[in-house]
Amino acid sequence: MTDQSVAPGGVSNPTGELTLFYSPGSCALASHIALEETGKPFRPVKTLLSENQHLTPEYLAINPRGRVPALIAPDGRVITENTAILTFVALTNPDAGLFPADTLGQTLCISQMAWFSNTPHIFQRAKFRPYRFVERKETYDDVRSKAASSYWESMQEIDGLIAGNEWIMGDRYTVVDPYALVFYGWGRSNGLPMDSLKSFTRHQNQMLERAAVRAALEREDNPHFK
C-alpha cells in the first residue's frame, strides 16, 4: 500500500515544515539565506559533503542526484537546484519582498540565477573536480588553470553588473543577491583578488550587514567568510 500522504515525487513530511539540506561552504548558502530572510521557521539539516553524507541511502532517497541544496516542501515534494529553490521561496513569501512583483522582473531574476548556476558555478566545479570533465589525468592541470581564469572573468562580469546599482538587479534586494554572495566567498577562498572588485566588494559588505546573512553564516560556520 502506498503512503497517500506523500505527493508524487515527494517524501513523507508529516509535520509539513520546510526542510533545507545544506553543507557549510556550498552553494546552498544562497537558499539558506533566503529562507532566513522570510522570517519564517524552517528546519536546516547539515549534510556534510566532506563526509559524503550526500551519498548516503537516506539522502539519496531525498535527492537521487546526491547534491545540495535540497528543500522538502510542505507537501513532501522535493525541490532541488538553487534557482528553483530561491524562486519558490520568493514566490511563496511575497511579503518578504525577495522578488519583483512583475513577471518580467521575476523572469530577469531567474535568468541571472540561471547564469550563476551554468557559468561561474561550472568553472568552480571544473577547478576542483576536473575528473568530471575529462578522463585523462594528465589534462587535469590544464582544466584547473582554464577554470580558474574563467571564474575570475565571471567575477569581473558580476562586478560590472553591480556597478551603479545598489543590488545585483538594481535598486532592490532580491534572492539573486545571496546567490551572488556564494561566488564572492568562493573567490576569496580561491585566492582571487576579490577586494579589487570594488562594486562586488561593496555588495558583499552590504550583505554581511543583513541579519539573515549573518544568521546563516553563523549556523554554517561558513569557511569562506572568516
Protein backbone atom coordinates (compact mmCIF):
# COMPACT_ATOMS: atom_id res chain seq x y z
CA MET A 1 0.00 0.00 0.00
CA THR A 2 1.34 3.44 -0.89
CA ASP A 3 1.53 6.29 1.59
CA GLN A 4 -1.25 8.61 0.46
CA SER A 5 0.28 11.48 2.49
CA VAL A 6 3.22 11.65 0.09
CA ALA A 7 2.77 13.75 -3.04
CA PRO A 8 4.05 12.27 -6.32
CA GLY A 9 7.79 12.73 -6.48
CA GLY A 10 7.95 13.52 -2.79
CA VAL A 11 8.85 12.08 0.59
CA SER A 12 6.90 11.70 3.79
CA ASN A 13 6.63 15.06 5.56
CA PRO A 14 4.09 14.63 8.36
CA THR A 15 4.97 17.90 10.09
CA GLY A 16 4.60 19.94 6.90
CA GLU A 17 7.65 22.02 7.69
CA LEU A 18 10.16 23.28 5.18
CA THR A 19 13.41 21.35 5.48
CA LEU A 20 16.64 22.54 3.88
CA PHE A 21 19.58 20.22 3.38
CA TYR A 22 22.84 22.15 3.14
CA SER A 23 26.58 21.74 3.52
CA PRO A 24 28.66 24.58 5.01
CA GLY A 25 30.52 26.50 2.34
CA SER A 26 28.49 25.09 -0.53
CA CYS A 27 26.19 26.96 -2.90
CA ALA A 28 23.32 26.01 -0.55
CA LEU A 29 24.22 29.18 1.36
CA ALA A 30 22.05 31.11 -1.11
CA SER A 31 18.91 29.15 -0.26
CA HIS A 32 19.84 29.15 3.43
CA ILE A 33 19.97 32.97 3.47
CA ALA A 34 16.73 33.31 1.50
CA LEU A 35 14.85 31.15 4.00
CA GLU A 36 16.23 33.24 6.85
CA GLU A 37 15.08 36.39 5.04
CA THR A 38 11.46 35.22 5.16
CA GLY A 39 11.46 35.26 8.96
CA LYS A 40 9.50 32.01 8.96
CA PRO A 41 10.60 28.79 10.67
CA PHE A 42 12.32 26.04 8.71
CA ARG A 43 14.42 23.03 9.60
CA PRO A 44 18.06 23.24 8.49
CA VAL A 45 19.79 19.87 8.14
CA LYS A 46 23.57 19.86 7.85
CA THR A 47 24.63 17.37 5.19
CA LEU A 48 28.41 17.33 5.04
CA LEU A 49 29.83 16.87 1.56
CA SER A 50 33.27 16.36 3.12
CA GLU A 51 31.98 13.24 4.86
CA ASN A 52 29.95 12.00 1.86
CA GLN A 53 26.70 12.41 3.76
CA HIS A 54 25.13 13.46 0.46
CA LEU A 55 25.78 9.95 -0.85
CA THR A 56 24.08 8.00 1.94
CA PRO A 57 20.99 5.95 1.06
CA GLU A 58 18.92 8.19 3.32
CA TYR A 59 19.87 11.35 1.46
CA LEU A 60 19.74 9.76 -1.99
CA ALA A 61 16.13 8.85 -1.21
CA ILE A 62 15.52 12.60 -0.95
CA ASN A 63 17.73 13.75 -3.82
CA PRO A 64 18.89 10.90 -6.06
CA ARG A 65 21.43 13.24 -7.68
CA GLY A 66 23.29 13.48 -4.40
CA ARG A 67 23.62 17.26 -4.40
CA VAL A 68 22.81 20.10 -2.05
CA PRO A 69 20.75 22.12 -1.57
CA ALA A 70 17.51 20.21 -1.44
CA LEU A 71 14.31 21.59 0.04
CA ILE A 72 11.40 19.47 1.23
CA ALA A 73 8.20 21.42 0.63
CA PRO A 74 5.22 21.22 2.98
CA ASP A 75 3.52 18.54 0.87
CA GLY A 76 6.66 16.40 0.79
CA ARG A 77 7.74 17.21 -2.74
CA VAL A 78 11.47 17.87 -3.07
CA ILE A 79 12.87 20.93 -4.81
CA THR A 80 16.48 20.87 -5.95
CA GLU A 81 18.76 23.46 -7.62
CA ASN A 82 19.27 26.91 -6.12
CA THR A 83 17.48 28.69 -8.94
CA ALA A 84 14.31 26.71 -8.31
CA ILE A 85 14.51 26.85 -4.52
CA LEU A 86 15.16 30.60 -4.50
CA THR A 87 12.26 31.18 -6.89
CA PHE A 88 9.97 29.05 -4.72
CA VAL A 89 10.98 30.89 -1.55
CA ALA A 90 10.44 34.27 -3.18
CA LEU A 91 7.08 33.42 -4.73
CA THR A 92 5.67 31.78 -1.60
CA ASN A 93 6.74 34.66 0.64
CA PRO A 94 5.67 37.79 -1.23
CA ASP A 95 5.66 39.86 1.97
CA ALA A 96 9.43 39.32 2.26
CA GLY A 97 9.93 41.31 -0.94
CA LEU A 98 12.54 38.95 -2.37
CA PHE A 99 11.23 39.13 -5.94
CA PRO A 100 9.90 41.89 -8.18
CA ALA A 101 6.11 41.96 -8.44
CA ASP A 102 6.04 41.99 -12.23
CA THR A 103 6.50 38.96 -14.47
CA LEU A 104 9.33 40.46 -16.50
CA GLY A 105 11.25 41.42 -13.37
CA GLN A 106 10.84 37.91 -11.99
CA THR A 107 11.98 36.41 -15.29
CA LEU A 108 15.10 38.57 -15.32
CA CYS A 109 15.95 37.37 -11.80
CA ILE A 110 15.57 33.75 -12.90
CA SER A 111 17.74 34.46 -15.93
CA GLN A 112 20.52 35.86 -13.76
CA MET A 113 20.36 32.93 -11.35
CA ALA A 114 20.48 30.51 -14.27
CA TRP A 115 23.68 32.17 -15.47
CA PHE A 116 25.17 31.84 -11.98
CA SER A 117 24.45 28.11 -11.98
CA ASN A 118 25.63 27.36 -15.51
CA THR A 119 28.70 29.59 -15.75
CA PRO A 120 30.73 30.57 -12.65
CA HIS A 121 29.45 27.55 -10.73
CA ILE A 122 30.60 25.23 -13.50
CA PHE A 123 34.05 26.84 -13.54
CA GLN A 124 34.32 26.31 -9.78
CA ARG A 125 33.35 22.68 -10.21
CA ALA A 126 35.86 22.18 -13.02
CA LYS A 127 38.68 23.60 -10.91
CA PHE A 128 38.13 21.22 -8.01
CA ARG A 129 36.65 18.24 -9.85
CA PRO A 130 38.32 18.11 -13.27
CA TYR A 131 37.62 14.37 -13.41
CA ARG A 132 34.00 15.23 -14.13
CA PHE A 133 35.04 16.91 -17.37
CA VAL A 134 37.98 14.94 -18.74
CA GLU A 135 39.21 11.38 -18.38
CA ARG A 136 42.97 11.70 -18.71
CA LYS A 137 44.69 12.79 -15.51
CA GLU A 138 47.47 14.50 -17.42
CA THR A 139 44.94 17.10 -18.58
CA TYR A 140 43.65 17.93 -15.08
CA ASP A 141 46.03 20.85 -14.56
CA ASP A 142 45.01 22.42 -17.86
CA VAL A 143 41.35 22.15 -16.89
CA ARG A 144 42.04 23.67 -13.47
CA SER A 145 44.02 26.56 -14.96
CA LYS A 146 41.38 27.41 -17.55
CA ALA A 147 38.59 27.06 -14.99
CA ALA A 148 40.35 29.46 -12.60
CA SER A 149 40.86 32.13 -15.25
CA SER A 150 37.28 31.76 -16.49
CA TYR A 151 35.96 32.00 -12.93
CA TRP A 152 37.82 35.28 -12.48
CA GLU A 153 36.30 36.61 -15.71
CA SER A 154 32.87 35.78 -14.28
CA MET A 155 33.70 37.65 -11.07
CA GLN A 156 34.62 40.69 -13.11
CA GLU A 157 31.35 40.38 -15.01
CA ILE A 158 29.39 40.31 -11.74
CA ASP A 159 31.30 43.37 -10.58
CA GLY A 160 30.18 45.13 -13.75
CA LEU A 161 26.57 44.08 -13.18
CA ILE A 162 26.57 45.75 -9.77
CA ALA A 163 28.37 48.93 -10.84
CA GLY A 164 25.98 51.86 -10.44
CA ASN A 165 23.36 49.67 -8.74
CA GLU A 166 22.64 49.13 -5.09
CA TRP A 167 21.99 45.41 -5.61
CA ILE A 168 22.55 42.87 -8.36
CA MET A 169 19.23 43.52 -10.09
CA GLY A 170 19.08 47.24 -9.47
CA ASP A 171 17.79 49.24 -6.54
CA ARG A 172 16.03 46.40 -4.71
CA TYR A 173 17.28 43.36 -2.85
CA THR A 174 16.21 40.03 -4.34
CA VAL A 175 17.05 36.34 -3.98
CA VAL A 176 19.71 36.92 -6.64
CA ASP A 177 21.87 38.71 -4.07
CA PRO A 178 22.51 35.81 -1.68
CA TYR A 179 23.34 33.66 -4.68
CA ALA A 180 25.97 36.19 -5.79
CA LEU A 181 27.47 36.16 -2.30
CA VAL A 182 28.34 32.47 -2.73
CA PHE A 183 30.70 33.30 -5.58
CA TYR A 184 32.40 36.13 -3.71
CA GLY A 185 33.17 33.75 -0.86
CA TRP A 186 34.49 31.08 -3.18
CA GLY A 187 36.64 33.66 -4.94
CA ARG A 188 38.21 34.68 -1.66
CA SER A 189 38.97 31.10 -0.72
CA ASN A 190 40.39 30.54 -4.20
CA GLY A 191 42.92 33.29 -3.55
CA LEU A 192 41.50 35.66 -6.13
CA PRO A 193 41.91 39.44 -5.60
CA MET A 194 38.24 39.96 -4.82
CA ASP A 195 38.97 43.18 -2.93
CA SER A 196 39.97 44.73 -6.25
CA LEU A 197 36.37 44.35 -7.44
CA LYS A 198 35.03 47.49 -5.82
CA SER A 199 31.34 47.10 -6.63
CA PHE A 200 31.24 43.39 -5.78
CA THR A 201 33.11 44.04 -2.53
CA ARG A 202 30.65 46.78 -1.60
CA HIS A 203 27.85 44.30 -2.31
CA GLN A 204 29.48 41.71 -0.06
CA ASN A 205 29.80 44.25 2.75
CA GLN A 206 26.14 45.20 2.40
CA MET A 207 25.18 41.55 2.54
CA LEU A 208 27.16 40.99 5.72
CA GLU A 209 25.17 43.76 7.39
CA ARG A 210 21.92 41.82 6.96
CA ALA A 211 20.71 39.81 9.96
CA ALA A 212 19.58 36.89 7.78
CA VAL A 213 23.01 36.62 6.17
CA ARG A 214 24.80 36.68 9.50
CA ALA A 215 22.43 34.05 10.91
CA ALA A 216 23.04 31.66 8.01
CA LEU A 217 26.80 32.17 8.05
CA GLU A 218 26.94 31.60 11.80
CA ARG A 219 24.83 28.44 11.64
CA GLU A 220 27.03 27.06 8.88
CA ASP A 221 30.26 28.27 10.46
CA ASN A 222 30.91 29.10 6.83
CA PRO A 223 34.59 28.71 5.96
CA HIS A 224 34.56 31.32 3.18
CA PHE A 225 33.63 34.28 5.36
CA LYS A 226 36.04 34.17 8.30
